[in-house]
C-alpha atoms as a PDB file:
ATOM      1  CA  MET A   1     106.196 119.641 133.040  1.00  0.00           C
ATOM      2  CA  ALA A   2     104.647 117.163 135.474  1.00  0.00           C
ATOM      3  CA  LYS A   3     101.044 117.749 136.476  1.00  0.00           C
ATOM      4  CA  LYS A   4      99.328 117.217 139.812  1.00  0.00           C
ATOM      5  CA  ILE A   5      96.293 115.033 139.243  1.00  0.00           C
ATOM      6  CA  VAL A   6      93.472 114.432 141.732  1.00  0.00           C
ATOM      7  CA  ILE A   7      91.118 111.517 141.168  1.00  0.00           C
ATOM      8  CA  LEU A   8      87.730 111.550 142.843  1.00  0.00           C
ATOM      9  CA  ASN A   9      86.708 107.882 142.709  1.00  0.00           C
ATOM     10  CA  GLY A  10      82.969 107.622 143.315  1.00  0.00           C
ATOM     11  CA  SER A  11      82.731 103.854 143.083  1.00  0.00           C
ATOM     12  CA  PRO A  12      81.656 101.847 146.118  1.00  0.00           C
ATOM     13  CA  ARG A  13      83.863  98.954 144.949  1.00  0.00           C
ATOM     14  CA  LYS A  14      87.610  99.179 145.527  1.00  0.00           C
ATOM     15  CA  LYS A  15      88.181  96.392 142.996  1.00  0.00           C
ATOM     16  CA  GLY A  16      85.300  97.109 140.638  1.00  0.00           C
ATOM     17  CA  ASN A  17      85.225  98.121 136.991  1.00  0.00           C
ATOM     18  CA  THR A  18      85.481 101.870 137.675  1.00  0.00           C
ATOM     19  CA  SER A  19      88.485 101.248 139.896  1.00  0.00           C
ATOM     20  CA  ALA A  20      90.076  99.225 137.067  1.00  0.00           C
ATOM     21  CA  LEU A  21      89.725 102.289 134.825  1.00  0.00           C
ATOM     22  CA  VAL A  22      91.288 104.418 137.573  1.00  0.00           C
ATOM     23  CA  LYS A  23      94.194 101.991 137.918  1.00  0.00           C
ATOM     24  CA  SER A  24      94.907 102.046 134.170  1.00  0.00           C
ATOM     25  CA  PHE A  25      94.604 105.826 134.015  1.00  0.00           C
ATOM     26  CA  THR A  26      96.941 106.201 137.004  1.00  0.00           C
ATOM     27  CA  GLU A  27      99.561 103.922 135.435  1.00  0.00           C
ATOM     28  CA  GLY A  28      99.478 106.008 132.268  1.00  0.00           C
ATOM     29  CA  ALA A  29      99.617 109.310 134.137  1.00  0.00           C
ATOM     30  CA  LYS A  30     102.541 108.206 136.288  1.00  0.00           C
ATOM     31  CA  SER A  31     104.411 106.890 133.235  1.00  0.00           C
ATOM     32  CA  ALA A  32     104.258 110.473 131.886  1.00  0.00           C
ATOM     33  CA  GLY A  33     105.843 111.777 135.110  1.00  0.00           C
ATOM     34  CA  ASN A  34     102.676 113.103 136.745  1.00  0.00           C
ATOM     35  CA  THR A  35     101.748 112.765 140.406  1.00  0.00           C
ATOM     36  CA  VAL A  36      98.378 111.232 141.203  1.00  0.00           C
ATOM     37  CA  THR A  37      96.331 111.474 144.390  1.00  0.00           C
ATOM     38  CA  GLU A  38      93.217 109.324 144.531  1.00  0.00           C
ATOM     39  CA  PHE A  39      90.358 109.826 146.946  1.00  0.00           C
ATOM     40  CA  PHE A  40      88.174 106.727 147.326  1.00  0.00           C
ATOM     41  CA  LEU A  41      85.031 108.589 148.313  1.00  0.00           C
ATOM     42  CA  ASP A  42      83.010 105.628 149.552  1.00  0.00           C
ATOM     43  CA  SER A  43      85.385 105.118 152.473  1.00  0.00           C
ATOM     44  CA  MET A  44      85.334 108.798 153.408  1.00  0.00           C
ATOM     45  CA  ASN A  45      82.960 110.651 155.725  1.00  0.00           C
ATOM     46  CA  ILE A  46      81.481 113.314 153.433  1.00  0.00           C
ATOM     47  CA  HIS A  47      78.164 114.974 154.201  1.00  0.00           C
ATOM     48  CA  GLY A  48      75.799 116.546 151.692  1.00  0.00           C
ATOM     49  CA  CYS A  49      75.900 120.276 151.015  1.00  0.00           C
ATOM     50  CA  LYS A  50      73.680 122.275 153.384  1.00  0.00           C
ATOM     51  CA  GLY A  51      73.121 125.100 150.887  1.00  0.00           C
ATOM     52  CA  CYS A  52      74.066 127.595 153.587  1.00  0.00           C
ATOM     53  CA  PHE A  53      76.319 129.802 151.412  1.00  0.00           C
ATOM     54  CA  GLY A  54      78.614 130.013 154.429  1.00  0.00           C
ATOM     55  CA  GLY A  55      81.755 128.877 152.649  1.00  0.00           C
ATOM     56  CA  HIS A  56      84.832 131.041 152.289  1.00  0.00           C
ATOM     57  CA  SER A  57      87.181 129.973 149.530  1.00  0.00           C
ATOM     58  CA  SER A  58      90.247 131.625 151.035  1.00  0.00           C
ATOM     59  CA  ARG A  59      90.085 129.630 154.267  1.00  0.00           C
ATOM     60  CA  GLU A  60      92.192 126.501 154.513  1.00  0.00           C
ATOM     61  CA  PHE A  61      88.968 124.522 154.970  1.00  0.00           C
ATOM     62  CA  PRO A  62      86.363 126.589 153.118  1.00  0.00           C
ATOM     63  CA  CYS A  63      83.195 124.751 154.145  1.00  0.00           C
ATOM     64  CA  VAL A  64      81.438 125.236 157.483  1.00  0.00           C
ATOM     65  CA  GLN A  65      81.059 121.461 157.768  1.00  0.00           C
ATOM     66  CA  LYS A  66      83.968 119.540 159.244  1.00  0.00           C
ATOM     67  CA  ASP A  67      84.352 116.183 157.565  1.00  0.00           C
ATOM     68  CA  ASP A  68      86.690 114.407 155.146  1.00  0.00           C
ATOM     69  CA  MET A  69      86.260 117.081 152.470  1.00  0.00           C
ATOM     70  CA  GLU A  70      89.001 118.796 154.453  1.00  0.00           C
ATOM     71  CA  GLN A  71      91.390 116.274 152.828  1.00  0.00           C
ATOM     72  CA  ILE A  72      90.067 117.010 149.345  1.00  0.00           C
ATOM     73  CA  TYR A  73      89.939 120.827 149.357  1.00  0.00           C
ATOM     74  CA  PRO A  74      93.718 121.417 149.601  1.00  0.00           C
ATOM     75  CA  ALA A  75      94.438 118.758 146.983  1.00  0.00           C
ATOM     76  CA  VAL A  76      91.966 120.270 144.505  1.00  0.00           C
ATOM     77  CA  ARG A  77      93.289 123.775 145.156  1.00  0.00           C
ATOM     78  CA  GLU A  78      96.820 122.667 144.274  1.00  0.00           C
ATOM     79  CA  CYS A  79      96.097 120.350 141.361  1.00  0.00           C
ATOM     80  CA  ASP A  80      96.194 120.872 137.624  1.00  0.00           C
ATOM     81  CA  VAL A  81      93.764 118.102 136.689  1.00  0.00           C
ATOM     82  CA  VAL A  82      90.673 116.617 138.363  1.00  0.00           C
ATOM     83  CA  ILE A  83      89.493 113.194 137.233  1.00  0.00           C
ATOM     84  CA  PHE A  84      85.915 112.224 137.979  1.00  0.00           C
ATOM     85  CA  ALA A  85      85.638 108.418 138.124  1.00  0.00           C
ATOM     86  CA  THR A  86      82.251 106.872 138.741  1.00  0.00           C
ATOM     87  CA  PRO A  87      79.951 104.053 137.809  1.00  0.00           C
ATOM     88  CA  LEU A  88      76.793 105.020 135.991  1.00  0.00           C
ATOM     89  CA  TYR A  89      73.958 104.892 138.509  1.00  0.00           C
ATOM     90  CA  TYR A  90      70.446 105.641 137.346  1.00  0.00           C
ATOM     91  CA  TRP A  91      71.722 107.602 134.305  1.00  0.00           C
ATOM     92  CA  ASN A  92      74.026 109.790 136.378  1.00  0.00           C
ATOM     93  CA  MET A  93      77.167 109.781 138.496  1.00  0.00           C
ATOM     94  CA  SER A  94      77.122 107.877 141.781  1.00  0.00           C
ATOM     95  CA  GLY A  95      75.847 109.613 144.909  1.00  0.00           C
ATOM     96  CA  GLN A  96      79.340 109.437 146.412  1.00  0.00           C
ATOM     97  CA  ILE A  97      80.882 111.606 143.705  1.00  0.00           C
ATOM     98  CA  ARG A  98      77.891 113.900 143.289  1.00  0.00           C
ATOM     99  CA  THR A  99      78.055 114.729 147.006  1.00  0.00           C
ATOM    100  CA  ALA A 100      81.762 115.593 146.731  1.00  0.00           C
ATOM    101  CA  ILE A 101      81.169 117.700 143.612  1.00  0.00           C
ATOM    102  CA  ASP A 102      78.398 119.620 145.378  1.00  0.00           C
ATOM    103  CA  ARG A 103      80.730 120.290 148.297  1.00  0.00           C
ATOM    104  CA  LEU A 104      83.464 121.649 146.000  1.00  0.00           C
ATOM    105  CA  PHE A 105      81.186 124.680 145.653  1.00  0.00           C
ATOM    106  CA  ALA A 106      82.719 126.025 148.872  1.00  0.00           C
ATOM    107  CA  LEU A 107      85.840 126.799 146.812  1.00  0.00           C
ATOM    108  CA  GLU A 108      83.711 129.225 144.762  1.00  0.00           C
ATOM    109  CA  GLU A 109      82.193 131.064 147.716  1.00  0.00           C
ATOM    110  CA  GLY A 110      83.157 134.060 149.800  1.00  0.00           C
ATOM    111  CA  ASP A 111      86.490 135.720 149.332  1.00  0.00           C
ATOM    112  CA  GLY A 112      87.278 134.652 145.794  1.00  0.00           C
ATOM    113  CA  ASN A 113      86.645 131.889 143.325  1.00  0.00           C
ATOM    114  CA  LEU A 114      89.395 129.301 143.762  1.00  0.00           C
ATOM    115  CA  LEU A 115      87.683 126.621 141.695  1.00  0.00           C
ATOM    116  CA  ARG A 116      86.551 128.166 138.431  1.00  0.00           C
ATOM    117  CA  GLY A 117      89.205 128.585 135.782  1.00  0.00           C
ATOM    118  CA  HIS A 118      92.751 128.572 137.147  1.00  0.00           C
ATOM    119  CA  ASP A 119      94.015 126.599 134.134  1.00  0.00           C
ATOM    120  CA  ARG A 120      92.567 123.333 135.386  1.00  0.00           C
ATOM    121  CA  SER A 121      91.398 120.479 133.246  1.00  0.00           C
ATOM    122  CA  SER A 122      89.330 117.382 133.810  1.00  0.00           C
ATOM    123  CA  ALA A 123      88.324 114.022 132.408  1.00  0.00           C
ATOM    124  CA  LEU A 124      85.566 111.543 133.150  1.00  0.00           C
ATOM    125  CA  LEU A 125      86.060 107.794 133.648  1.00  0.00           C
ATOM    126  CA  MET A 126      82.878 105.709 133.793  1.00  0.00           C
ATOM    127  CA  ALA A 127      81.921 102.066 133.866  1.00  0.00           C
ATOM    128  CA  ALA A 128      78.363 100.840 133.507  1.00  0.00           C
ATOM    129  CA  GLU A 129      76.246  97.785 132.944  1.00  0.00           C
ATOM    130  CA  GLY A 130      74.518  99.483 130.021  1.00  0.00           C
ATOM    131  CA  ASN A 131      75.478 102.214 127.591  1.00  0.00           C
ATOM    132  CA  GLY A 132      73.119 105.096 128.461  1.00  0.00           C
ATOM    133  CA  PHE A 133      75.740 107.789 129.040  1.00  0.00           C
ATOM    134  CA  GLU A 134      73.950 110.690 127.285  1.00  0.00           C
ATOM    135  CA  ASP A 135      72.440 112.346 130.383  1.00  0.00           C
ATOM    136  CA  VAL A 136      75.598 112.181 132.472  1.00  0.00           C
ATOM    137  CA  LEU A 137      77.691 113.524 129.590  1.00  0.00           C
ATOM    138  CA  LEU A 138      75.325 116.486 129.287  1.00  0.00           C
ATOM    139  CA  TYR A 139      75.819 117.209 133.008  1.00  0.00           C
ATOM    140  CA  TYR A 140      79.593 116.738 132.802  1.00  0.00           C
ATOM    141  CA  ASP A 141      79.915 119.015 129.757  1.00  0.00           C
ATOM    142  CA  HIS A 142      77.851 121.728 131.494  1.00  0.00           C
ATOM    143  CA  LEU A 143      79.972 121.380 134.625  1.00  0.00           C
ATOM    144  CA  MET A 144      83.139 121.867 132.569  1.00  0.00           C
ATOM    145  CA  GLU A 145      81.622 124.983 130.948  1.00  0.00           C
ATOM    146  CA  HIS A 146      80.665 126.414 134.346  1.00  0.00           C
ATOM    147  CA  LEU A 147      84.066 125.709 135.878  1.00  0.00           C
ATOM    148  CA  ARG A 148      85.874 126.907 132.756  1.00  0.00           C
ATOM    149  CA  TRP A 149      88.068 123.819 132.858  1.00  0.00           C
ATOM    150  CA  GLU A 150      89.511 122.206 129.775  1.00  0.00           C
ATOM    151  CA  ASN A 151      87.588 119.035 129.039  1.00  0.00           C
ATOM    152  CA  LEU A 152      90.191 116.337 128.323  1.00  0.00           C
ATOM    153  CA  GLY A 153      87.476 113.875 127.348  1.00  0.00           C
ATOM    154  CA  HIS A 154      86.123 110.696 128.769  1.00  0.00           C
ATOM    155  CA  VAL A 155      86.421 106.949 128.770  1.00  0.00           C
ATOM    156  CA  LEU A 156      83.002 105.298 128.862  1.00  0.00           C
ATOM    157  CA  ALA A 157      83.007 101.555 129.440  1.00  0.00           C
ATOM    158  CA  GLY A 158      79.566 100.044 128.931  1.00  0.00           C
ATOM    159  CA  GLY A 159      78.631  96.384 129.242  1.00  0.00           C
ATOM    160  CA  ASN A 160      80.306  95.873 132.617  1.00  0.00           C
ATOM    161  CA  GLY A 161      77.759  94.753 135.210  1.00  0.00           C
ATOM    162  CA  ASP A 162      79.798  92.343 137.303  1.00  0.00           C
ATOM    163  CA  VAL A 163      83.144  92.986 138.958  1.00  0.00           C
ATOM    164  CA  GLY A 164      85.866  92.037 136.494  1.00  0.00           C
ATOM    165  CA  ASP A 165      83.727  92.345 133.364  1.00  0.00           C
ATOM    166  CA  ILE A 166      86.031  95.111 132.145  1.00  0.00           C
ATOM    167  CA  ASP A 167      89.136  92.904 132.186  1.00  0.00           C
ATOM    168  CA  GLY A 168      90.742  92.775 128.749  1.00  0.00           C
ATOM    169  CA  LYS A 169      88.473  95.423 127.239  1.00  0.00           C
ATOM    170  CA  PRO A 170      89.855  98.286 125.104  1.00  0.00           C
ATOM    171  CA  GLU A 171      88.569 100.959 127.511  1.00  0.00           C
ATOM    172  CA  LEU A 172      91.363 100.037 129.951  1.00  0.00           C
ATOM    173  CA  GLN A 173      93.942 100.907 127.294  1.00  0.00           C
ATOM    174  CA  GLU A 174      92.016 104.099 126.484  1.00  0.00           C
ATOM    175  CA  ALA A 175      92.189 105.095 130.149  1.00  0.00           C
ATOM    176  CA  TYR A 176      95.935 104.357 130.201  1.00  0.00           C
ATOM    177  CA  GLU A 177      96.486 106.472 127.064  1.00  0.00           C
ATOM    178  CA  LEU A 178      94.397 109.327 128.474  1.00  0.00           C
ATOM    179  CA  GLY A 179      96.539 109.341 131.611  1.00  0.00           C
ATOM    180  CA  LYS A 180      99.739 109.159 129.571  1.00  0.00           C
ATOM    181  CA  SER A 181      98.626 112.080 127.386  1.00  0.00           C
ATOM    182  CA  ILE A 182      98.553 114.517 130.312  1.00  0.00           C
ATOM    183  CA  ARG A 183     101.752 116.570 130.296  1.00  0.00           C
END
């Protein structure tokens, strides 16, 4: 059965190494009959969480803030799989994706938890200049435990500082195969 996949792309580069991983993953996922919706977060107007606890998960737009998260909330509610794609910045995910993840909390607030559980799964796609992924993997694994989502794994592509460094590397095929494996 085809799955609905949402990709939160936290790279600031539309044609960078993280986006190359996303492209390969998407090709694999679509070849397996899945639908893929990508949100390129850097071009969206998304504000940081205010910590107000004013969200209501059952509302169409659960957060009190009105910005481009209103495009993401319905897609995440309806999807089976969320892919977090990000470069490694200062031993963590980029600010673009961390802001969006923080704002997803509104789907856990108020009238019912529409984020945690619900038979969702997730994977992590990352490109980096170096190979220091340990801290971000610890965060990602804890996030998956909290959300009670199946962790489909990750593709970690180190050694990719300049745009295009990832071209021809095995991590692109790994991303394709990960996408293709989702059924």
